[in-house]
Amino acid sequence: MSTNRVITVVQDEESVIKELCSVIQNISKEAIERDDVFKVGLSGGSLTKFLSIGLPKIETDWSKWRLFFCDERVVPLESSDSTYGIYKNSLLGILPLAEHQFIKIDPHLPAEEAAKDYIQKMAVHFPPDSLPRFHLLLLGMGPDGHTCSLFPGHRICDETSVWVAPITNAPKPPPSRITLTFPVVNNAECCVFAITGESKAEMVKRILKDNEPLPAGRVKPTDGTLHWLLDSEAGVHIKDM
Protein backbone atom coordinates (compact mmCIF):
# COMPACT_ATOMS: atom_id res chain seq x y z
CA MET A 1 0.00 0.00 0.00
CA SER A 2 1.15 3.56 -0.57
CA THR A 3 0.41 6.90 0.96
CA ASN A 4 -2.30 9.01 -0.60
CA ARG A 5 -0.88 12.53 -0.17
CA VAL A 6 -3.14 15.57 -0.51
CA ILE A 7 -1.70 19.10 -0.40
CA THR A 8 -4.18 21.93 0.06
CA VAL A 9 -3.14 25.58 0.00
CA VAL A 10 -5.76 28.08 1.17
CA GLN A 11 -5.71 31.82 1.66
CA ASP A 12 -5.11 32.36 5.37
CA GLU A 13 -5.03 30.86 8.86
CA GLU A 14 -8.80 31.12 9.25
CA SER A 15 -9.23 29.04 6.08
CA VAL A 16 -6.72 26.46 7.34
CA ILE A 17 -8.72 26.08 10.56
CA LYS A 18 -11.95 25.70 8.58
CA GLU A 19 -10.42 23.08 6.28
CA LEU A 20 -8.82 21.25 9.20
CA CYS A 21 -12.09 20.99 11.08
CA SER A 22 -13.92 19.84 7.97
CA VAL A 23 -11.44 16.96 7.68
CA ILE A 24 -11.81 16.16 11.39
CA GLN A 25 -15.61 16.19 11.19
CA ASN A 26 -15.67 13.85 8.19
CA ILE A 27 -13.16 11.39 9.62
CA SER A 28 -14.80 11.34 13.07
CA LYS A 29 -18.22 10.69 11.50
CA GLU A 30 -16.89 7.81 9.43
CA ALA A 31 -14.98 6.32 12.37
CA ILE A 32 -17.94 6.49 14.73
CA GLU A 33 -20.30 4.96 12.18
CA ARG A 34 -17.85 2.11 11.50
CA ASP A 35 -16.14 1.52 14.85
CA ASP A 36 -18.38 3.29 17.39
CA VAL A 37 -15.35 5.25 18.57
CA PHE A 38 -13.03 7.96 17.22
CA LYS A 39 -9.38 7.68 18.21
CA VAL A 40 -7.42 10.85 17.55
CA GLY A 41 -3.90 11.94 18.47
CA LEU A 42 -3.32 15.59 19.38
CA SER A 43 -0.17 17.68 19.08
CA GLY A 44 0.82 20.93 20.75
CA GLY A 45 2.10 24.17 19.31
CA SER A 46 -0.14 26.13 16.95
CA LEU A 47 -2.56 23.19 16.71
CA THR A 48 -3.81 23.95 20.21
CA LYS A 49 -4.95 27.36 18.95
CA PHE A 50 -6.46 25.98 15.74
CA LEU A 51 -8.46 23.32 17.58
CA SER A 52 -9.65 25.59 20.37
CA ILE A 53 -11.09 27.88 17.68
CA GLY A 54 -12.36 25.23 15.29
CA LEU A 55 -13.58 22.23 17.27
CA PRO A 56 -16.56 23.99 18.89
CA LYS A 57 -17.95 24.53 15.38
CA ILE A 58 -18.00 20.90 14.24
CA GLU A 59 -20.86 18.43 14.50
CA THR A 60 -19.95 15.08 16.05
CA ASP A 61 -20.83 12.68 18.84
CA TRP A 62 -18.31 13.90 21.39
CA SER A 63 -19.00 10.98 23.74
CA LYS A 64 -17.33 8.65 21.22
CA TRP A 65 -14.05 10.56 21.12
CA ARG A 66 -10.87 9.24 22.71
CA LEU A 67 -8.10 11.81 22.66
CA PHE A 68 -4.46 10.71 22.81
CA PHE A 69 -1.24 12.69 22.51
CA CYS A 70 1.23 12.36 19.65
CA ASP A 71 3.81 13.56 22.13
CA GLU A 72 3.81 15.14 25.55
CA ARG A 73 6.19 16.98 27.82
CA VAL A 74 6.88 15.20 31.10
CA VAL A 75 5.81 18.12 33.28
CA PRO A 76 2.99 18.61 35.79
CA LEU A 77 -0.42 18.66 34.12
CA GLU A 78 -0.95 22.15 35.52
CA SER A 79 2.23 23.43 33.82
CA SER A 80 1.97 25.83 30.89
CA ASP A 81 4.24 23.35 29.05
CA SER A 82 1.71 20.51 29.37
CA THR A 83 -0.07 19.91 26.07
CA TYR A 84 -2.89 18.19 27.93
CA GLY A 85 -3.11 21.19 30.25
CA ILE A 86 -3.53 23.53 27.29
CA TYR A 87 -6.37 21.45 25.83
CA LYS A 88 -7.98 21.01 29.23
CA ASN A 89 -8.10 24.77 29.69
CA SER A 90 -9.29 25.49 26.16
CA LEU A 91 -11.75 22.64 25.53
CA LEU A 92 -13.11 21.15 28.76
CA GLY A 93 -16.17 23.09 29.77
CA ILE A 94 -16.60 24.38 26.22
CA LEU A 95 -17.07 21.02 24.50
CA PRO A 96 -19.07 18.14 26.02
CA LEU A 97 -15.89 16.17 26.67
CA ALA A 98 -15.07 14.45 29.94
CA GLU A 99 -11.59 14.33 31.43
CA HIS A 100 -11.48 10.53 31.19
CA GLN A 101 -11.73 10.78 27.39
CA PHE A 102 -8.19 12.18 27.33
CA ILE A 103 -5.58 9.43 27.59
CA LYS A 104 -2.74 11.29 29.26
CA ILE A 105 0.66 10.57 30.72
CA ASP A 106 1.56 10.14 34.36
CA PRO A 107 3.71 13.25 34.86
CA HIS A 108 5.10 11.97 38.16
CA LEU A 109 7.16 9.28 36.41
CA PRO A 110 10.56 9.72 34.74
CA ALA A 111 10.32 9.87 30.95
CA GLU A 112 11.31 6.22 30.44
CA GLU A 113 8.67 4.97 32.87
CA ALA A 114 6.11 7.47 31.59
CA ALA A 115 6.55 6.08 28.07
CA LYS A 116 6.01 2.49 29.26
CA ASP A 117 2.98 3.58 31.27
CA TYR A 118 1.52 5.37 28.25
CA ILE A 119 1.92 2.23 26.13
CA GLN A 120 -0.14 0.34 28.71
CA LYS A 121 -2.80 3.05 28.69
CA MET A 122 -2.95 3.02 24.89
CA ALA A 123 -3.13 -0.75 24.69
CA VAL A 124 -6.54 -0.76 26.39
CA HIS A 125 -7.99 1.05 23.37
CA PHE A 126 -6.54 -1.04 20.52
CA PRO A 127 -6.78 -4.71 19.52
CA PRO A 128 -4.20 -6.90 21.29
CA ASP A 129 -0.99 -8.01 19.61
CA SER A 130 -1.17 -5.44 16.86
CA LEU A 131 0.28 -2.02 16.11
CA PRO A 132 -2.13 0.76 17.18
CA ARG A 133 -4.04 2.20 14.25
CA PHE A 134 -5.37 5.67 14.96
CA HIS A 135 -8.22 7.05 12.93
CA LEU A 136 -6.46 10.42 12.82
CA LEU A 137 -3.21 12.02 13.97
CA LEU A 138 -3.11 15.82 14.05
CA LEU A 139 0.48 16.91 13.56
CA GLY A 140 2.53 20.06 13.68
CA MET A 141 5.95 20.87 12.27
CA GLY A 142 8.72 22.77 14.01
CA PRO A 143 11.06 25.21 12.28
CA ASP A 144 13.71 22.45 12.19
CA GLY A 145 11.33 19.99 10.51
CA HIS A 146 10.54 17.98 13.64
CA THR A 147 7.10 16.54 14.27
CA CYS A 148 5.78 14.97 17.46
CA SER A 149 9.00 14.95 19.52
CA LEU A 150 10.89 13.31 16.68
CA PHE A 151 13.81 15.69 16.12
CA PRO A 152 16.23 15.67 13.17
CA GLY A 153 19.20 13.39 13.73
CA HIS A 154 17.89 11.97 17.00
CA ARG A 155 18.25 8.20 17.41
CA ILE A 156 14.58 7.99 18.39
CA CYS A 157 13.68 8.56 14.73
CA ASP A 158 15.03 5.08 14.01
CA GLU A 159 13.04 3.36 16.76
CA THR A 160 11.17 0.36 15.37
CA SER A 161 10.15 -1.76 18.33
CA VAL A 162 8.23 0.38 20.82
CA TRP A 163 5.03 2.40 20.32
CA VAL A 164 6.02 5.25 22.59
CA ALA A 165 9.59 6.33 23.26
CA PRO A 166 11.08 8.56 25.93
CA ILE A 167 13.31 11.55 25.28
CA THR A 168 15.40 13.10 28.04
CA ASN A 169 17.57 15.35 25.87
CA ALA A 170 15.15 17.10 23.52
CA PRO A 171 16.91 19.97 21.73
CA LYS A 172 14.19 22.38 22.78
CA PRO A 173 12.80 22.79 26.30
CA PRO A 174 11.47 21.05 28.20
CA PRO A 175 13.99 18.25 27.52
CA SER A 176 11.97 15.40 29.06
CA ARG A 177 9.22 14.07 26.79
CA ILE A 178 7.47 11.03 25.39
CA THR A 179 6.54 10.59 21.73
CA LEU A 180 4.80 8.22 19.37
CA THR A 181 7.33 6.50 17.12
CA PHE A 182 7.26 6.33 13.34
CA PRO A 183 5.82 2.79 13.18
CA VAL A 184 2.71 4.00 15.03
CA VAL A 185 2.52 7.35 13.23
CA ASN A 186 2.70 5.69 9.84
CA ASN A 187 0.13 3.06 10.78
CA ALA A 188 -2.58 5.73 11.16
CA GLU A 189 -5.54 5.85 8.79
CA CYS A 190 -4.94 9.55 8.32
CA CYS A 191 -2.28 12.08 9.30
CA VAL A 192 -2.86 15.82 8.96
CA PHE A 193 -0.37 18.67 9.09
CA ALA A 194 -1.86 22.14 9.54
CA ILE A 195 0.84 24.74 8.86
CA THR A 196 0.61 28.52 8.64
CA GLY A 197 2.93 31.47 8.34
CA GLU A 198 5.87 32.69 6.31
CA SER A 199 8.35 31.30 8.84
CA LYS A 200 7.40 27.74 7.84
CA ALA A 201 7.55 28.29 4.07
CA GLU A 202 11.18 27.26 3.52
CA MET A 203 10.82 24.09 5.58
CA VAL A 204 7.59 23.19 3.77
CA LYS A 205 9.50 23.52 0.48
CA ARG A 206 12.39 21.40 1.75
CA ILE A 207 10.01 18.62 2.76
CA LEU A 208 7.34 18.65 0.05
CA LYS A 209 9.32 19.84 -2.97
CA ASP A 210 12.93 18.90 -2.23
CA ASN A 211 11.97 15.67 -0.44
CA GLU A 212 14.51 16.11 2.34
CA PRO A 213 14.25 13.18 4.80
CA LEU A 214 13.47 15.37 7.81
CA PRO A 215 11.12 13.92 10.44
CA ALA A 216 7.98 15.68 9.15
CA GLY A 217 8.82 14.38 5.69
CA ARG A 218 9.03 10.82 7.00
CA VAL A 219 5.34 10.85 7.91
CA LYS A 220 3.97 8.58 5.19
CA PRO A 221 1.06 6.38 6.30
CA THR A 222 1.65 2.94 4.82
CA ASP A 223 -2.08 2.38 4.23
CA GLY A 224 -3.71 5.74 4.68
CA THR A 225 -4.00 9.38 3.72
CA LEU A 226 -1.65 12.26 4.43
CA HIS A 227 -3.02 15.81 4.34
CA TRP A 228 -0.89 18.95 4.29
CA LEU A 229 -3.09 21.99 4.94
CA LEU A 230 -1.20 25.22 4.30
CA ASP A 231 -2.02 28.89 4.18
CA SER A 232 -0.72 30.96 1.26
CA GLU A 233 2.34 32.11 3.22
CA ALA A 234 3.46 28.63 4.28
CA GLY A 235 2.74 27.24 0.80
CA VAL A 236 4.29 30.04 -1.21
CA HIS A 237 7.15 27.91 -2.61
CA ILE A 238 5.07 24.90 -3.67
CA LYS A 239 2.35 26.54 -5.75
CA ASP A 240 3.73 25.03 -8.96
CA MET A 241 3.77 21.46 -7.66
C-alpha atoms as a PDB file:
ATOM      1  CA  MET A   1       0.000   0.000   0.000  1.00  0.00           C
ATOM      2  CA  SER A   2       1.155   3.555  -0.572  1.00  0.00           C
ATOM      3  CA  THR A   3       0.415   6.898   0.963  1.00  0.00           C
ATOM      4  CA  ASN A   4      -2.302   9.011  -0.600  1.00  0.00           C
ATOM      5  CA  ARG A   5      -0.880  12.533  -0.171  1.00  0.00           C
ATOM      6  CA  VAL A   6      -3.139  15.567  -0.512  1.00  0.00           C
ATOM      7  CA  ILE A   7      -1.697  19.095  -0.401  1.00  0.00           C
ATOM      8  CA  THR A   8      -4.179  21.933   0.061  1.00  0.00           C
ATOM      9  CA  VAL A   9      -3.145  25.584   0.005  1.00  0.00           C
ATOM     10  CA  VAL A  10      -5.760  28.084   1.174  1.00  0.00           C
ATOM     11  CA  GLN A  11      -5.713  31.823   1.657  1.00  0.00           C
ATOM     12  CA  ASP A  12      -5.111  32.355   5.373  1.00  0.00           C
ATOM     13  CA  GLU A  13      -5.034  30.855   8.864  1.00  0.00           C
ATOM     14  CA  GLU A  14      -8.800  31.122   9.247  1.00  0.00           C
ATOM     15  CA  SER A  15      -9.230  29.042   6.083  1.00  0.00           C
ATOM     16  CA  VAL A  16      -6.725  26.458   7.340  1.00  0.00           C
ATOM     17  CA  ILE A  17      -8.724  26.077  10.558  1.00  0.00           C
ATOM     18  CA  LYS A  18     -11.951  25.704   8.579  1.00  0.00           C
ATOM     19  CA  GLU A  19     -10.416  23.084   6.276  1.00  0.00           C
ATOM     20  CA  LEU A  20      -8.824  21.249   9.199  1.00  0.00           C
ATOM     21  CA  CYS A  21     -12.091  20.989  11.082  1.00  0.00           C
ATOM     22  CA  SER A  22     -13.922  19.837   7.972  1.00  0.00           C
ATOM     23  CA  VAL A  23     -11.437  16.956   7.680  1.00  0.00           C
ATOM     24  CA  ILE A  24     -11.813  16.156  11.393  1.00  0.00           C
ATOM     25  CA  GLN A  25     -15.609  16.194  11.189  1.00  0.00           C
ATOM     26  CA  ASN A  26     -15.673  13.854   8.188  1.00  0.00           C
ATOM     27  CA  ILE A  27     -13.162  11.390   9.625  1.00  0.00           C
ATOM     28  CA  SER A  28     -14.801  11.336  13.068  1.00  0.00           C
ATOM     29  CA  LYS A  29     -18.218  10.693  11.496  1.00  0.00           C
ATOM     30  CA  GLU A  30     -16.893   7.812   9.426  1.00  0.00           C
ATOM     31  CA  ALA A  31     -14.982   6.317  12.366  1.00  0.00           C
ATOM     32  CA  ILE A  32     -17.938   6.495  14.730  1.00  0.00           C
ATOM     33  CA  GLU A  33     -20.296   4.959  12.177  1.00  0.00           C
ATOM     34  CA  ARG A  34     -17.847   2.112  11.499  1.00  0.00           C
ATOM     35  CA  ASP A  35     -16.138   1.519  14.846  1.00  0.00           C
ATOM     36  CA  ASP A  36     -18.382   3.292  17.392  1.00  0.00           C
ATOM     37  CA  VAL A  37     -15.348   5.253  18.568  1.00  0.00           C
ATOM     38  CA  PHE A  38     -13.031   7.960  17.224  1.00  0.00           C
ATOM     39  CA  LYS A  39      -9.381   7.676  18.213  1.00  0.00           C
ATOM     40  CA  VAL A  40      -7.422  10.847  17.551  1.00  0.00           C
ATOM     41  CA  GLY A  41      -3.900  11.941  18.471  1.00  0.00           C
ATOM     42  CA  LEU A  42      -3.319  15.590  19.380  1.00  0.00           C
ATOM     43  CA  SER A  43      -0.170  17.679  19.076  1.00  0.00           C
ATOM     44  CA  GLY A  44       0.820  20.926  20.749  1.00  0.00           C
ATOM     45  CA  GLY A  45       2.103  24.173  19.307  1.00  0.00           C
ATOM     46  CA  SER A  46      -0.145  26.130  16.955  1.00  0.00           C
ATOM     47  CA  LEU A  47      -2.562  23.188  16.710  1.00  0.00           C
ATOM     48  CA  THR A  48      -3.811  23.950  20.210  1.00  0.00           C
ATOM     49  CA  LYS A  49      -4.955  27.355  18.952  1.00  0.00           C
ATOM     50  CA  PHE A  50      -6.462  25.983  15.740  1.00  0.00           C
ATOM     51  CA  LEU A  51      -8.456  23.316  17.578  1.00  0.00           C
ATOM     52  CA  SER A  52      -9.650  25.586  20.372  1.00  0.00           C
ATOM     53  CA  ILE A  53     -11.089  27.882  17.676  1.00  0.00           C
ATOM     54  CA  GLY A  54     -12.360  25.232  15.288  1.00  0.00           C
ATOM     55  CA  LEU A  55     -13.581  22.226  17.269  1.00  0.00           C
ATOM     56  CA  PRO A  56     -16.559  23.993  18.894  1.00  0.00           C
ATOM     57  CA  LYS A  57     -17.946  24.525  15.377  1.00  0.00           C
ATOM     58  CA  ILE A  58     -18.000  20.900  14.245  1.00  0.00           C
ATOM     59  CA  GLU A  59     -20.861  18.427  14.503  1.00  0.00           C
ATOM     60  CA  THR A  60     -19.951  15.081  16.047  1.00  0.00           C
ATOM     61  CA  ASP A  61     -20.833  12.681  18.842  1.00  0.00           C
ATOM     62  CA  TRP A  62     -18.307  13.904  21.392  1.00  0.00           C
ATOM     63  CA  SER A  63     -18.998  10.983  23.743  1.00  0.00           C
ATOM     64  CA  LYS A  64     -17.334   8.651  21.217  1.00  0.00           C
ATOM     65  CA  TRP A  65     -14.050  10.563  21.123  1.00  0.00           C
ATOM     66  CA  ARG A  66     -10.865   9.241  22.714  1.00  0.00           C
ATOM     67  CA  LEU A  67      -8.096  11.812  22.659  1.00  0.00           C
ATOM     68  CA  PHE A  68      -4.462  10.710  22.807  1.00  0.00           C
ATOM     69  CA  PHE A  69      -1.244  12.692  22.507  1.00  0.00           C
ATOM     70  CA  CYS A  70       1.233  12.362  19.647  1.00  0.00           C
ATOM     71  CA  ASP A  71       3.811  13.563  22.128  1.00  0.00           C
ATOM     72  CA  GLU A  72       3.810  15.139  25.553  1.00  0.00           C
ATOM     73  CA  ARG A  73       6.188  16.980  27.817  1.00  0.00           C
ATOM     74  CA  VAL A  74       6.878  15.202  31.105  1.00  0.00           C
ATOM     75  CA  VAL A  75       5.809  18.121  33.277  1.00  0.00           C
ATOM     76  CA  PRO A  76       2.994  18.605  35.792  1.00  0.00           C
ATOM     77  CA  LEU A  77      -0.422  18.657  34.119  1.00  0.00           C
ATOM     78  CA  GLU A  78      -0.947  22.155  35.516  1.00  0.00           C
ATOM     79  CA  SER A  79       2.231  23.434  33.817  1.00  0.00           C
ATOM     80  CA  SER A  80       1.971  25.827  30.888  1.00  0.00           C
ATOM     81  CA  ASP A  81       4.245  23.354  29.050  1.00  0.00           C
ATOM     82  CA  SER A  82       1.714  20.509  29.367  1.00  0.00           C
ATOM     83  CA  THR A  83      -0.066  19.906  26.065  1.00  0.00           C
ATOM     84  CA  TYR A  84      -2.892  18.190  27.929  1.00  0.00           C
ATOM     85  CA  GLY A  85      -3.111  21.187  30.248  1.00  0.00           C
ATOM     86  CA  ILE A  86      -3.532  23.535  27.288  1.00  0.00           C
ATOM     87  CA  TYR A  87      -6.367  21.447  25.834  1.00  0.00           C
ATOM     88  CA  LYS A  88      -7.978  21.010  29.233  1.00  0.00           C
ATOM     89  CA  ASN A  89      -8.095  24.773  29.687  1.00  0.00           C
ATOM     90  CA  SER A  90      -9.295  25.491  26.160  1.00  0.00           C
ATOM     91  CA  LEU A  91     -11.751  22.638  25.532  1.00  0.00           C
ATOM     92  CA  LEU A  92     -13.107  21.147  28.758  1.00  0.00           C
ATOM     93  CA  GLY A  93     -16.168  23.093  29.769  1.00  0.00           C
ATOM     94  CA  ILE A  94     -16.600  24.384  26.215  1.00  0.00           C
ATOM     95  CA  LEU A  95     -17.074  21.024  24.501  1.00  0.00           C
ATOM     96  CA  PRO A  96     -19.073  18.141  26.025  1.00  0.00           C
ATOM     97  CA  LEU A  97     -15.886  16.166  26.666  1.00  0.00           C
ATOM     98  CA  ALA A  98     -15.071  14.447  29.942  1.00  0.00           C
ATOM     99  CA  GLU A  99     -11.590  14.334  31.433  1.00  0.00           C
ATOM    100  CA  HIS A 100     -11.484  10.534  31.192  1.00  0.00           C
ATOM    101  CA  GLN A 101     -11.732  10.782  27.392  1.00  0.00           C
ATOM    102  CA  PHE A 102      -8.188  12.175  27.331  1.00  0.00           C
ATOM    103  CA  ILE A 103      -5.579   9.426  27.589  1.00  0.00           C
ATOM    104  CA  LYS A 104      -2.744  11.288  29.260  1.00  0.00           C
ATOM    105  CA  ILE A 105       0.658  10.570  30.719  1.00  0.00           C
ATOM    106  CA  ASP A 106       1.559  10.142  34.359  1.00  0.00           C
ATOM    107  CA  PRO A 107       3.714  13.248  34.856  1.00  0.00           C
ATOM    108  CA  HIS A 108       5.096  11.967  38.156  1.00  0.00           C
ATOM    109  CA  LEU A 109       7.160   9.284  36.413  1.00  0.00           C
ATOM    110  CA  PRO A 110      10.564   9.717  34.741  1.00  0.00           C
ATOM    111  CA  ALA A 111      10.321   9.866  30.950  1.00  0.00           C
ATOM    112  CA  GLU A 112      11.308   6.216  30.445  1.00  0.00           C
ATOM    113  CA  GLU A 113       8.670   4.966  32.874  1.00  0.00           C
ATOM    114  CA  ALA A 114       6.108   7.470  31.587  1.00  0.00           C
ATOM    115  CA  ALA A 115       6.553   6.078  28.071  1.00  0.00           C
ATOM    116  CA  LYS A 116       6.014   2.491  29.262  1.00  0.00           C
ATOM    117  CA  ASP A 117       2.979   3.581  31.273  1.00  0.00           C
ATOM    118  CA  TYR A 118       1.520   5.369  28.248  1.00  0.00           C
ATOM    119  CA  ILE A 119       1.916   2.234  26.128  1.00  0.00           C
ATOM    120  CA  GLN A 120      -0.144   0.338  28.713  1.00  0.00           C
ATOM    121  CA  LYS A 121      -2.803   3.047  28.692  1.00  0.00           C
ATOM    122  CA  MET A 122      -2.945   3.022  24.886  1.00  0.00           C
ATOM    123  CA  ALA A 123      -3.130  -0.753  24.694  1.00  0.00           C
ATOM    124  CA  VAL A 124      -6.537  -0.757  26.389  1.00  0.00           C
ATOM    125  CA  HIS A 125      -7.989   1.054  23.365  1.00  0.00           C
ATOM    126  CA  PHE A 126      -6.543  -1.043  20.523  1.00  0.00           C
ATOM    127  CA  PRO A 127      -6.782  -4.710  19.525  1.00  0.00           C
ATOM    128  CA  PRO A 128      -4.202  -6.901  21.291  1.00  0.00           C
ATOM    129  CA  ASP A 129      -0.991  -8.014  19.610  1.00  0.00           C
ATOM    130  CA  SER A 130      -1.166  -5.437  16.858  1.00  0.00           C
ATOM    131  CA  LEU A 131       0.275  -2.023  16.112  1.00  0.00           C
ATOM    132  CA  PRO A 132      -2.129   0.758  17.185  1.00  0.00           C
ATOM    133  CA  ARG A 133      -4.041   2.205  14.245  1.00  0.00           C
ATOM    134  CA  PHE A 134      -5.367   5.668  14.959  1.00  0.00           C
ATOM    135  CA  HIS A 135      -8.216   7.052  12.934  1.00  0.00           C
ATOM    136  CA  LEU A 136      -6.456  10.423  12.821  1.00  0.00           C
ATOM    137  CA  LEU A 137      -3.210  12.017  13.969  1.00  0.00           C
ATOM    138  CA  LEU A 138      -3.110  15.820  14.051  1.00  0.00           C
ATOM    139  CA  LEU A 139       0.484  16.905  13.556  1.00  0.00           C
ATOM    140  CA  GLY A 140       2.534  20.060  13.677  1.00  0.00           C
ATOM    141  CA  MET A 141       5.951  20.875  12.265  1.00  0.00           C
ATOM    142  CA  GLY A 142       8.718  22.772  14.013  1.00  0.00           C
ATOM    143  CA  PRO A 143      11.056  25.210  12.278  1.00  0.00           C
ATOM    144  CA  ASP A 144      13.708  22.446  12.189  1.00  0.00           C
ATOM    145  CA  GLY A 145      11.329  19.990  10.506  1.00  0.00           C
ATOM    146  CA  HIS A 146      10.542  17.982  13.641  1.00  0.00           C
ATOM    147  CA  THR A 147       7.099  16.536  14.271  1.00  0.00           C
ATOM    148  CA  CYS A 148       5.784  14.975  17.460  1.00  0.00           C
ATOM    149  CA  SER A 149       9.004  14.952  19.518  1.00  0.00           C
ATOM    150  CA  LEU A 150      10.891  13.309  16.676  1.00  0.00           C
ATOM    151  CA  PHE A 151      13.806  15.685  16.123  1.00  0.00           C
ATOM    152  CA  PRO A 152      16.231  15.666  13.169  1.00  0.00           C
ATOM    153  CA  GLY A 153      19.198  13.393  13.729  1.00  0.00           C
ATOM    154  CA  HIS A 154      17.888  11.966  16.997  1.00  0.00           C
ATOM    155  CA  ARG A 155      18.254   8.201  17.408  1.00  0.00           C
ATOM    156  CA  ILE A 156      14.580   7.994  18.387  1.00  0.00           C
ATOM    157  CA  CYS A 157      13.682   8.562  14.725  1.00  0.00           C
ATOM    158  CA  ASP A 158      15.034   5.076  14.014  1.00  0.00           C
ATOM    159  CA  GLU A 159      13.036   3.356  16.764  1.00  0.00           C
ATOM    160  CA  THR A 160      11.169   0.363  15.368  1.00  0.00           C
ATOM    161  CA  SER A 161      10.154  -1.762  18.331  1.00  0.00           C
ATOM    162  CA  VAL A 162       8.229   0.383  20.824  1.00  0.00           C
ATOM    163  CA  TRP A 163       5.032   2.397  20.317  1.00  0.00           C
ATOM    164  CA  VAL A 164       6.019   5.246  22.586  1.00  0.00           C
ATOM    165  CA  ALA A 165       9.593   6.326  23.258  1.00  0.00           C
ATOM    166  CA  PRO A 166      11.084   8.564  25.931  1.00  0.00           C
ATOM    167  CA  ILE A 167      13.311  11.547  25.284  1.00  0.00           C
ATOM    168  CA  THR A 168      15.399  13.103  28.040  1.00  0.00           C
ATOM    169  CA  ASN A 169      17.573  15.355  25.869  1.00  0.00           C
ATOM    170  CA  ALA A 170      15.153  17.097  23.518  1.00  0.00           C
ATOM    171  CA  PRO A 171      16.914  19.966  21.728  1.00  0.00           C
ATOM    172  CA  LYS A 172      14.187  22.376  22.776  1.00  0.00           C
ATOM    173  CA  PRO A 173      12.802  22.787  26.296  1.00  0.00           C
ATOM    174  CA  PRO A 174      11.469  21.051  28.203  1.00  0.00           C
ATOM    175  CA  PRO A 175      13.995  18.250  27.520  1.00  0.00           C
ATOM    176  CA  SER A 176      11.973  15.400  29.061  1.00  0.00           C
ATOM    177  CA  ARG A 177       9.224  14.071  26.788  1.00  0.00           C
ATOM    178  CA  ILE A 178       7.466  11.026  25.390  1.00  0.00           C
ATOM    179  CA  THR A 179       6.540  10.594  21.733  1.00  0.00           C
ATOM    180  CA  LEU A 180       4.800   8.222  19.370  1.00  0.00           C
ATOM    181  CA  THR A 181       7.334   6.503  17.125  1.00  0.00           C
ATOM    182  CA  PHE A 182       7.263   6.325  13.339  1.00  0.00           C
ATOM    183  CA  PRO A 183       5.817   2.786  13.182  1.00  0.00           C
ATOM    184  CA  VAL A 184       2.708   4.002  15.035  1.00  0.00           C
ATOM    185  CA  VAL A 185       2.518   7.354  13.235  1.00  0.00           C
ATOM    186  CA  ASN A 186       2.701   5.685   9.835  1.00  0.00           C
ATOM    187  CA  ASN A 187       0.126   3.062  10.775  1.00  0.00           C
ATOM    188  CA  ALA A 188      -2.578   5.731  11.162  1.00  0.00           C
ATOM    189  CA  GLU A 189      -5.536   5.848   8.790  1.00  0.00           C
ATOM    190  CA  CYS A 190      -4.944   9.549   8.318  1.00  0.00           C
ATOM    191  CA  CYS A 191      -2.281  12.084   9.303  1.00  0.00           C
ATOM    192  CA  VAL A 192      -2.860  15.820   8.956  1.00  0.00           C
ATOM    193  CA  PHE A 193      -0.369  18.671   9.089  1.00  0.00           C
ATOM    194  CA  ALA A 194      -1.855  22.142   9.537  1.00  0.00           C
ATOM    195  CA  ILE A 195       0.842  24.740   8.864  1.00  0.00           C
ATOM    196  CA  THR A 196       0.609  28.520   8.637  1.00  0.00           C
ATOM    197  CA  GLY A 197       2.933  31.474   8.339  1.00  0.00           C
ATOM    198  CA  GLU A 198       5.871  32.691   6.307  1.00  0.00           C
ATOM    199  CA  SER A 199       8.347  31.302   8.844  1.00  0.00           C
ATOM    200  CA  LYS A 200       7.399  27.738   7.837  1.00  0.00           C
ATOM    201  CA  ALA A 201       7.551  28.294   4.072  1.00  0.00           C
ATOM    202  CA  GLU A 202      11.179  27.262   3.519  1.00  0.00           C
ATOM    203  CA  MET A 203      10.819  24.090   5.585  1.00  0.00           C
ATOM    204  CA  VAL A 204       7.586  23.189   3.769  1.00  0.00           C
ATOM    205  CA  LYS A 205       9.496  23.516   0.479  1.00  0.00           C
ATOM    206  CA  ARG A 206      12.391  21.396   1.754  1.00  0.00           C
ATOM    207  CA  ILE A 207      10.015  18.616   2.759  1.00  0.00           C
ATOM    208  CA  LEU A 208       7.337  18.653   0.053  1.00  0.00           C
ATOM    209  CA  LYS A 209       9.325  19.843  -2.967  1.00  0.00           C
ATOM    210  CA  ASP A 210      12.928  18.904  -2.235  1.00  0.00           C
ATOM    211  CA  ASN A 211      11.967  15.674  -0.439  1.00  0.00           C
ATOM    212  CA  GLU A 212      14.513  16.110   2.344  1.00  0.00           C
ATOM    213  CA  PRO A 213      14.249  13.183   4.802  1.00  0.00           C
ATOM    214  CA  LEU A 214      13.466  15.367   7.811  1.00  0.00           C
ATOM    215  CA  PRO A 215      11.121  13.918  10.443  1.00  0.00           C
ATOM    216  CA  ALA A 216       7.984  15.677   9.151  1.00  0.00           C
ATOM    217  CA  GLY A 217       8.823  14.377   5.689  1.00  0.00           C
ATOM    218  CA  ARG A 218       9.034  10.824   7.003  1.00  0.00           C
ATOM    219  CA  VAL A 219       5.344  10.855   7.908  1.00  0.00           C
ATOM    220  CA  LYS A 220       3.969   8.579   5.192  1.00  0.00           C
ATOM    221  CA  PRO A 221       1.058   6.380   6.298  1.00  0.00           C
ATOM    222  CA  THR A 222       1.650   2.936   4.822  1.00  0.00           C
ATOM    223  CA  ASP A 223      -2.076   2.380   4.231  1.00  0.00           C
ATOM    224  CA  GLY A 224      -3.707   5.740   4.678  1.00  0.00           C
ATOM    225  CA  THR A 225      -4.004   9.377   3.722  1.00  0.00           C
ATOM    226  CA  LEU A 226      -1.649  12.263   4.430  1.00  0.00           C
ATOM    227  CA  HIS A 227      -3.020  15.814   4.344  1.00  0.00           C
ATOM    228  CA  TRP A 228      -0.890  18.948   4.289  1.00  0.00           C
ATOM    229  CA  LEU A 229      -3.095  21.990   4.943  1.00  0.00           C
ATOM    230  CA  LEU A 230      -1.199  25.216   4.301  1.00  0.00           C
ATOM    231  CA  ASP A 231      -2.016  28.889   4.181  1.00  0.00           C
ATOM    232  CA  SER A 232      -0.717  30.962   1.265  1.00  0.00           C
ATOM    233  CA  GLU A 233       2.343  32.105   3.218  1.00  0.00           C
ATOM    234  CA  ALA A 234       3.460  28.630   4.275  1.00  0.00           C
ATOM    235  CA  GLY A 235       2.742  27.237   0.804  1.00  0.00           C
ATOM    236  CA  VAL A 236       4.287  30.038  -1.206  1.00  0.00           C
ATOM    237  CA  HIS A 237       7.150  27.912  -2.611  1.00  0.00           C
ATOM    238  CA  ILE A 238       5.074  24.902  -3.672  1.00  0.00           C
ATOM    239  CA  LYS A 239       2.350  26.537  -5.747  1.00  0.00           C
ATOM    240  CA  ASP A 240       3.728  25.031  -8.956  1.00  0.00           C
ATOM    241  CA  MET A 241       3.775  21.456  -7.657  1.00  0.00           C
END
